Amino acid sequence: MIATINGHMRDSMYKFHIFTILSGIVLGGFSFHDAYAYIDPTSGSIVIQVLIGAFVGVGITLKVYWEKIKYKFSVRL
């Protein structure tokens, strides 16, 4: 009985240490320092193009699936 308790405690301590290490890595990534940089016009236009492309892609995907769903319901009725 003592061995199972110690084994359980060892497993929980192992999980706690892994959690602590991973939390430190994740939270440490959010500590930003000053970059002393700027976004030039080319980078800004690329970001805008990516956003527009993402919106268009989502719209076309919704349109394709909407037509398929509408077709399935119209065939069953």
PDB file of N, CA and C in Angstrom:
ATOM      1  N   MET A   1       0.821  -1.189   0.000  1.00  0.00           N
ATOM      2  CA  MET A   1       0.000   0.000   0.000  1.00  0.00           C
ATOM      3  C   MET A   1       0.869   1.258   0.000  1.00  0.00           C
ATOM      4  N   ILE A   2       1.960   1.232   0.714  1.00  0.00           N
ATOM      5  CA  ILE A   2       2.843   2.397   0.769  1.00  0.00           C
ATOM      6  C   ILE A   2       3.502   2.625  -0.585  1.00  0.00           C
ATOM      7  N   ALA A   3       3.839   1.537  -1.283  1.00  0.00           N
ATOM      8  CA  ALA A   3       4.479   1.679  -2.593  1.00  0.00           C
ATOM      9  C   ALA A   3       3.536   2.347  -3.587  1.00  0.00           C
ATOM     10  N   THR A   4       2.234   2.028  -3.544  1.00  0.00           N
ATOM     11  CA  THR A   4       1.300   2.651  -4.472  1.00  0.00           C
ATOM     12  C   THR A   4       1.109   4.123  -4.137  1.00  0.00           C
ATOM     13  N   ILE A   5       1.114   4.456  -2.851  1.00  0.00           N
ATOM     14  CA  ILE A   5       0.981   5.863  -2.481  1.00  0.00           C
ATOM     15  C   ILE A   5       2.212   6.634  -2.951  1.00  0.00           C
ATOM     16  N   ASN A   6       3.401   6.083  -2.714  1.00  0.00           N
ATOM     17  CA  ASN A   6       4.614   6.753  -3.167  1.00  0.00           C
ATOM     18  C   ASN A   6       4.664   6.838  -4.682  1.00  0.00           C
ATOM     19  N   GLY A   7       4.208   5.787  -5.368  1.00  0.00           N
ATOM     20  CA  GLY A   7       4.165   5.823  -6.828  1.00  0.00           C
ATOM     21  C   GLY A   7       3.215   6.883  -7.334  1.00  0.00           C
ATOM     22  N   HIS A   8       2.072   7.006  -6.664  1.00  0.00           N
ATOM     23  CA  HIS A   8       1.097   8.031  -7.057  1.00  0.00           C
ATOM     24  C   HIS A   8       1.661   9.419  -6.801  1.00  0.00           C
ATOM     25  N   MET A   9       2.319   9.598  -5.663  1.00  0.00           N
ATOM     26  CA  MET A   9       2.903  10.896  -5.350  1.00  0.00           C
ATOM     27  C   MET A   9       4.017  11.238  -6.325  1.00  0.00           C
ATOM     28  N   ARG A  10       4.789  10.242  -6.717  1.00  0.00           N
ATOM     29  CA  ARG A  10       5.873  10.469  -7.659  1.00  0.00           C
ATOM     30  C   ARG A  10       5.303  10.893  -9.013  1.00  0.00           C
ATOM     31  N   ASP A  11       4.211  10.253  -9.467  1.00  0.00           N
ATOM     32  CA  ASP A  11       3.593  10.610 -10.738  1.00  0.00           C
ATOM     33  C   ASP A  11       3.031  12.025 -10.691  1.00  0.00           C
ATOM     34  N   SER A  12       2.384  12.375  -9.571  1.00  0.00           N
ATOM     35  CA  SER A  12       1.811  13.715  -9.490  1.00  0.00           C
ATOM     36  C   SER A  12       2.909  14.776  -9.423  1.00  0.00           C
ATOM     37  N   MET A  13       4.012  14.476  -8.747  1.00  0.00           N
ATOM     38  CA  MET A  13       5.119  15.433  -8.702  1.00  0.00           C
ATOM     39  C   MET A  13       5.762  15.578 -10.081  1.00  0.00           C
ATOM     40  N   TYR A  14       5.858  14.479 -10.821  1.00  0.00           N
ATOM     41  CA  TYR A  14       6.410  14.515 -12.173  1.00  0.00           C
ATOM     42  C   TYR A  14       5.540  15.399 -13.064  1.00  0.00           C
ATOM     43  N   LYS A  15       4.216  15.214 -12.982  1.00  0.00           N
ATOM     44  CA  LYS A  15       3.293  16.031 -13.778  1.00  0.00           C
ATOM     45  C   LYS A  15       3.389  17.500 -13.376  1.00  0.00           C
ATOM     46  N   PHE A  16       3.542  17.749 -12.077  1.00  0.00           N
ATOM     47  CA  PHE A  16       3.667  19.123 -11.603  1.00  0.00           C
ATOM     48  C   PHE A  16       4.927  19.778 -12.150  1.00  0.00           C
ATOM     49  N   HIS A  17       6.033  19.051 -12.162  1.00  0.00           N
ATOM     50  CA  HIS A  17       7.283  19.608 -12.684  1.00  0.00           C
ATOM     51  C   HIS A  17       7.187  19.874 -14.182  1.00  0.00           C
ATOM     52  N   ILE A  18       6.583  18.950 -14.914  1.00  0.00           N
ATOM     53  CA  ILE A  18       6.403  19.159 -16.360  1.00  0.00           C
ATOM     54  C   ILE A  18       5.528  20.373 -16.602  1.00  0.00           C
ATOM     55  N   PHE A  19       4.429  20.490 -15.844  1.00  0.00           N
ATOM     56  CA  PHE A  19       3.531  21.635 -15.980  1.00  0.00           C
ATOM     57  C   PHE A  19       4.259  22.939 -15.682  1.00  0.00           C
ATOM     58  N   THR A  20       5.080  22.950 -14.633  1.00  0.00           N
ATOM     59  CA  THR A  20       5.817  24.148 -14.256  1.00  0.00           C
ATOM     60  C   THR A  20       6.817  24.548 -15.338  1.00  0.00           C
ATOM     61  N   ILE A  21       7.518  23.583 -15.875  1.00  0.00           N
ATOM     62  CA  ILE A  21       8.500  23.877 -16.919  1.00  0.00           C
ATOM     63  C   ILE A  21       7.812  24.399 -18.180  1.00  0.00           C
ATOM     64  N   LEU A  22       6.737  23.742 -18.611  1.00  0.00           N
ATOM     65  CA  LEU A  22       6.027  24.190 -19.806  1.00  0.00           C
ATOM     66  C   LEU A  22       5.381  25.554 -19.600  1.00  0.00           C
ATOM     67  N   SER A  23       4.842  25.808 -18.413  1.00  0.00           N
ATOM     68  CA  SER A  23       4.260  27.123 -18.123  1.00  0.00           C
ATOM     69  C   SER A  23       5.324  28.209 -18.199  1.00  0.00           C
ATOM     70  N   GLY A  24       6.502  27.920 -17.669  1.00  0.00           N
ATOM     71  CA  GLY A  24       7.589  28.892 -17.732  1.00  0.00           C
ATOM     72  C   GLY A  24       8.011  29.197 -19.156  1.00  0.00           C
ATOM     73  N   ILE A  25       8.044  28.159 -19.989  1.00  0.00           N
ATOM     74  CA  ILE A  25       8.419  28.363 -21.391  1.00  0.00           C
ATOM     75  C   ILE A  25       7.375  29.204 -22.102  1.00  0.00           C
ATOM     76  N   VAL A  26       6.093  28.878 -21.901  1.00  0.00           N
ATOM     77  CA  VAL A  26       5.020  29.609 -22.580  1.00  0.00           C
ATOM     78  C   VAL A  26       4.959  31.048 -22.086  1.00  0.00           C
ATOM     79  N   LEU A  27       4.948  31.233 -20.787  1.00  0.00           N
ATOM     80  CA  LEU A  27       4.854  32.599 -20.252  1.00  0.00           C
ATOM     81  C   LEU A  27       6.120  33.400 -20.517  1.00  0.00           C
ATOM     82  N   GLY A  28       7.242  32.748 -20.600  1.00  0.00           N
ATOM     83  CA  GLY A  28       8.482  33.446 -20.922  1.00  0.00           C
ATOM     84  C   GLY A  28       8.490  33.970 -22.348  1.00  0.00           C
ATOM     85  N   GLY A  29       7.746  33.341 -23.216  1.00  0.00           N
ATOM     86  CA  GLY A  29       7.650  33.794 -24.594  1.00  0.00           C
ATOM     87  C   GLY A  29       6.861  35.079 -24.741  1.00  0.00           C
ATOM     88  N   PHE A  30       6.060  35.425 -23.718  1.00  0.00           N
ATOM     89  CA  PHE A  30       5.256  36.638 -23.780  1.00  0.00           C
ATOM     90  C   PHE A  30       5.962  37.859 -23.225  1.00  0.00           C
ATOM     91  N   SER A  31       7.176  37.707 -22.776  1.00  0.00           N
ATOM     92  CA  SER A  31       7.911  38.856 -22.263  1.00  0.00           C
ATOM     93  C   SER A  31       8.722  39.466 -23.412  1.00  0.00           C
ATOM     94  N   PHE A  32       8.117  40.444 -24.058  1.00  0.00           N
ATOM     95  CA  PHE A  32       8.740  41.071 -25.214  1.00  0.00           C
ATOM     96  C   PHE A  32       9.643  42.214 -24.778  1.00  0.00           C
ATOM     97  N   HIS A  33      10.657  42.434 -25.547  1.00  0.00           N
ATOM     98  CA  HIS A  33      11.542  43.573 -25.349  1.00  0.00           C
ATOM     99  C   HIS A  33      11.330  44.537 -26.509  1.00  0.00           C
ATOM    100  N   ASP A  34      11.840  45.727 -26.370  1.00  0.00           N
ATOM    101  CA  ASP A  34      11.707  46.705 -27.444  1.00  0.00           C
ATOM    102  C   ASP A  34      12.411  46.201 -28.697  1.00  0.00           C
ATOM    103  N   ALA A  35      11.710  46.302 -29.834  1.00  0.00           N
ATOM    104  CA  ALA A  35      12.265  45.788 -31.077  1.00  0.00           C
ATOM    105  C   ALA A  35      13.016  46.866 -31.848  1.00  0.00           C
ATOM    106  N   TYR A  36      12.669  48.120 -31.647  1.00  0.00           N
ATOM    107  CA  TYR A  36      13.273  49.219 -32.398  1.00  0.00           C
ATOM    108  C   TYR A  36      13.199  48.949 -33.905  1.00  0.00           C
ATOM    109  N   ALA A  37      12.005  48.603 -34.355  1.00  0.00           N
ATOM    110  CA  ALA A  37      11.799  48.283 -35.761  1.00  0.00           C
ATOM    111  C   ALA A  37      10.539  48.991 -36.256  1.00  0.00           C
ATOM    112  N   TYR A  38      10.345  48.943 -37.531  1.00  0.00           N
ATOM    113  CA  TYR A  38       9.160  49.539 -38.128  1.00  0.00           C
ATOM    114  C   TYR A  38       8.635  48.593 -39.201  1.00  0.00           C
ATOM    115  N   ILE A  39       7.384  48.827 -39.600  1.00  0.00           N
ATOM    116  CA  ILE A  39       6.786  48.038 -40.683  1.00  0.00           C
ATOM    117  C   ILE A  39       6.820  48.909 -41.926  1.00  0.00           C
ATOM    118  N   ASP A  40       7.540  48.475 -42.927  1.00  0.00           N
ATOM    119  CA  ASP A  40       7.620  49.257 -44.152  1.00  0.00           C
ATOM    120  C   ASP A  40       6.343  49.042 -44.977  1.00  0.00           C
ATOM    121  N   PRO A  41       6.104  49.885 -45.979  1.00  0.00           N
ATOM    122  CA  PRO A  41       4.879  49.791 -46.771  1.00  0.00           C
ATOM    123  C   PRO A  41       4.692  48.428 -47.451  1.00  0.00           C
ATOM    124  N   THR A  42       5.766  47.791 -47.845  1.00  0.00           N
ATOM    125  CA  THR A  42       5.637  46.482 -48.495  1.00  0.00           C
ATOM    126  C   THR A  42       5.061  45.458 -47.537  1.00  0.00           C
ATOM    127  N   SER A  43       5.536  45.448 -46.312  1.00  0.00           N
ATOM    128  CA  SER A  43       5.016  44.508 -45.323  1.00  0.00           C
ATOM    129  C   SER A  43       3.560  44.799 -45.013  1.00  0.00           C
ATOM    130  N   GLY A  44       3.214  46.065 -44.922  1.00  0.00           N
ATOM    131  CA  GLY A  44       1.819  46.433 -44.655  1.00  0.00           C
ATOM    132  C   GLY A  44       0.895  45.981 -45.764  1.00  0.00           C
ATOM    133  N   SER A  45       1.314  46.133 -47.012  1.00  0.00           N
ATOM    134  CA  SER A  45       0.458  45.714 -48.118  1.00  0.00           C
ATOM    135  C   SER A  45       0.350  44.197 -48.184  1.00  0.00           C
ATOM    136  N   ILE A  46       1.400  43.483 -47.808  1.00  0.00           N
ATOM    137  CA  ILE A  46       1.325  42.022 -47.787  1.00  0.00           C
ATOM    138  C   ILE A  46       0.334  41.567 -46.728  1.00  0.00           C
ATOM    139  N   VAL A  47       0.354  42.211 -45.569  1.00  0.00           N
ATOM    140  CA  VAL A  47      -0.590  41.861 -44.502  1.00  0.00           C
ATOM    141  C   VAL A  47      -2.025  42.104 -44.969  1.00  0.00           C
ATOM    142  N   ILE A  48      -2.253  43.222 -45.626  1.00  0.00           N
ATOM    143  CA  ILE A  48      -3.599  43.529 -46.135  1.00  0.00           C
ATOM    144  C   ILE A  48      -4.016  42.497 -47.177  1.00  0.00           C
ATOM    145  N   GLN A  49      -3.119  42.116 -48.067  1.00  0.00           N
ATOM    146  CA  GLN A  49      -3.445  41.103 -49.078  1.00  0.00           C
ATOM    147  C   GLN A  49      -3.762  39.753 -48.448  1.00  0.00           C
ATOM    148  N   VAL A  50      -3.026  39.386 -47.415  1.00  0.00           N
ATOM    149  CA  VAL A  50      -3.295  38.119 -46.735  1.00  0.00           C
ATOM    150  C   VAL A  50      -4.674  38.152 -46.082  1.00  0.00           C
ATOM    151  N   LEU A  51      -5.019  39.262 -45.429  1.00  0.00           N
ATOM    152  CA  LEU A  51      -6.334  39.369 -44.801  1.00  0.00           C
ATOM    153  C   LEU A  51      -7.461  39.321 -45.830  1.00  0.00           C
ATOM    154  N   ILE A  52      -7.301  40.032 -46.934  1.00  0.00           N
ATOM    155  CA  ILE A  52      -8.323  40.010 -47.989  1.00  0.00           C
ATOM    156  C   ILE A  52      -8.438  38.609 -48.576  1.00  0.00           C
ATOM    157  N   GLY A  53      -7.317  37.955 -48.815  1.00  0.00           N
ATOM    158  CA  GLY A  53      -7.344  36.593 -49.338  1.00  0.00           C
ATOM    159  C   GLY A  53      -8.011  35.623 -48.385  1.00  0.00           C
ATOM    160  N   ALA A  54      -7.762  35.787 -47.090  1.00  0.00           N
ATOM    161  CA  ALA A  54      -8.403  34.912 -46.100  1.00  0.00           C
ATOM    162  C   ALA A  54      -9.907  35.116 -46.097  1.00  0.00           C
ATOM    163  N   PHE A  55     -10.360  36.385 -46.153  1.00  0.00           N
ATOM    164  CA  PHE A  55     -11.805  36.642 -46.189  1.00  0.00           C
ATOM    165  C   PHE A  55     -12.438  36.084 -47.447  1.00  0.00           C
ATOM    166  N   VAL A  56     -11.789  36.237 -48.578  1.00  0.00           N
ATOM    167  CA  VAL A  56     -12.328  35.700 -49.829  1.00  0.00           C
ATOM    168  C   VAL A  56     -12.361  34.176 -49.777  1.00  0.00           C
ATOM    169  N   GLY A  57     -11.318  33.560 -49.257  1.00  0.00           N
ATOM    170  CA  GLY A  57     -11.285  32.102 -49.135  1.00  0.00           C
ATOM    171  C   GLY A  57     -12.396  31.571 -48.250  1.00  0.00           C
ATOM    172  N   VAL A  58     -12.616  32.232 -47.126  1.00  0.00           N
ATOM    173  CA  VAL A  58     -13.699  31.813 -46.228  1.00  0.00           C
ATOM    174  C   VAL A  58     -15.049  31.994 -46.920  1.00  0.00           C
ATOM    175  N   GLY A  59     -15.208  33.078 -47.638  1.00  0.00           N
ATOM    176  CA  GLY A  59     -16.470  33.312 -48.345  1.00  0.00           C
ATOM    177  C   GLY A  59     -16.746  32.266 -49.411  1.00  0.00           C
ATOM    178  N   ILE A  60     -15.738  31.928 -50.193  1.00  0.00           N
ATOM    179  CA  ILE A  60     -15.917  30.908 -51.234  1.00  0.00           C
ATOM    180  C   ILE A  60     -16.181  29.539 -50.612  1.00  0.00           C
ATOM    181  N   THR A  61     -15.479  29.218 -49.530  1.00  0.00           N
ATOM    182  CA  THR A  61     -15.699  27.942 -48.854  1.00  0.00           C
ATOM    183  C   THR A  61     -17.127  27.859 -48.328  1.00  0.00           C
ATOM    184  N   LEU A  62     -17.599  28.928 -47.709  1.00  0.00           N
ATOM    185  CA  LEU A  62     -18.978  28.939 -47.219  1.00  0.00           C
ATOM    186  C   LEU A  62     -19.975  28.804 -48.360  1.00  0.00           C
ATOM    187  N   LYS A  63     -19.696  29.468 -49.475  1.00  0.00           N
ATOM    188  CA  LYS A  63     -20.607  29.376 -50.611  1.00  0.00           C
ATOM    189  C   LYS A  63     -20.669  27.954 -51.149  1.00  0.00           C
ATOM    190  N   VAL A  64     -19.522  27.288 -51.278  1.00  0.00           N
ATOM    191  CA  VAL A  64     -19.494  25.916 -51.799  1.00  0.00           C
ATOM    192  C   VAL A  64     -20.263  24.980 -50.875  1.00  0.00           C
ATOM    193  N   TYR A  65     -19.995  25.059 -49.583  1.00  0.00           N
ATOM    194  CA  TYR A  65     -20.680  24.164 -48.663  1.00  0.00           C
ATOM    195  C   TYR A  65     -22.149  24.522 -48.527  1.00  0.00           C
ATOM    196  N   TRP A  66     -22.493  25.792 -48.636  1.00  0.00           N
ATOM    197  CA  TRP A  66     -23.895  26.191 -48.567  1.00  0.00           C
ATOM    198  C   TRP A  66     -24.666  25.600 -49.739  1.00  0.00           C
ATOM    199  N   GLU A  67     -24.094  25.607 -50.911  1.00  0.00           N
ATOM    200  CA  GLU A  67     -24.747  25.011 -52.076  1.00  0.00           C
ATOM    201  C   GLU A  67     -24.924  23.504 -51.892  1.00  0.00           C
ATOM    202  N   LYS A  68     -23.939  22.807 -51.329  1.00  0.00           N
ATOM    203  CA  LYS A  68     -24.055  21.370 -51.102  1.00  0.00           C
ATOM    204  C   LYS A  68     -25.131  21.058 -50.075  1.00  0.00           C
ATOM    205  N   ILE A  69     -25.193  21.832 -49.011  1.00  0.00           N
ATOM    206  CA  ILE A  69     -26.224  21.606 -47.985  1.00  0.00           C
ATOM    207  C   ILE A  69     -27.597  21.891 -48.564  1.00  0.00           C
ATOM    208  N   LYS A  70     -27.724  22.960 -49.312  1.00  0.00           N
ATOM    209  CA  LYS A  70     -29.007  23.303 -49.919  1.00  0.00           C
ATOM    210  C   LYS A  70     -29.440  22.214 -50.899  1.00  0.00           C
ATOM    211  N   TYR A  71     -28.498  21.655 -51.638  1.00  0.00           N
ATOM    212  CA  TYR A  71     -28.796  20.587 -52.585  1.00  0.00           C
ATOM    213  C   TYR A  71     -29.283  19.341 -51.864  1.00  0.00           C
ATOM    214  N   LYS A  72     -28.615  18.982 -50.756  1.00  0.00           N
ATOM    215  CA  LYS A  72     -29.024  17.790 -50.003  1.00  0.00           C
ATOM    216  C   LYS A  72     -30.442  17.930 -49.469  1.00  0.00           C
ATOM    217  N   PHE A  73     -30.783  19.096 -48.948  1.00  0.00           N
ATOM    218  CA  PHE A  73     -32.133  19.295 -48.417  1.00  0.00           C
ATOM    219  C   PHE A  73     -33.167  19.367 -49.529  1.00  0.00           C
ATOM    220  N   SER A  74     -32.828  19.896 -50.680  1.00  0.00           N
ATOM    221  CA  SER A  74     -33.798  19.988 -51.775  1.00  0.00           C
ATOM    222  C   SER A  74     -34.061  18.619 -52.398  1.00  0.00           C
ATOM    223  N   VAL A  75     -33.082  17.713 -52.395  1.00  0.00           N
ATOM    224  CA  VAL A  75     -33.276  16.366 -52.940  1.00  0.00           C
ATOM    225  C   VAL A  75     -34.169  15.550 -52.016  1.00  0.00           C
ATOM    226  N   ARG A  76     -34.012  15.687 -50.713  1.00  0.00           N
ATOM    227  CA  ARG A  76     -34.812  14.893 -49.765  1.00  0.00           C
ATOM    228  C   ARG A  76     -36.253  15.359 -49.706  1.00  0.00           C
ATOM    229  N   LEU A  77     -36.513  16.613 -49.990  1.00  0.00           N
ATOM    230  CA  LEU A  77     -37.898  17.105 -49.930  1.00  0.00           C
ATOM    231  C   LEU A  77     -38.567  16.769 -51.209  1.00  0.00           C
TER     232      LEU A  77
END
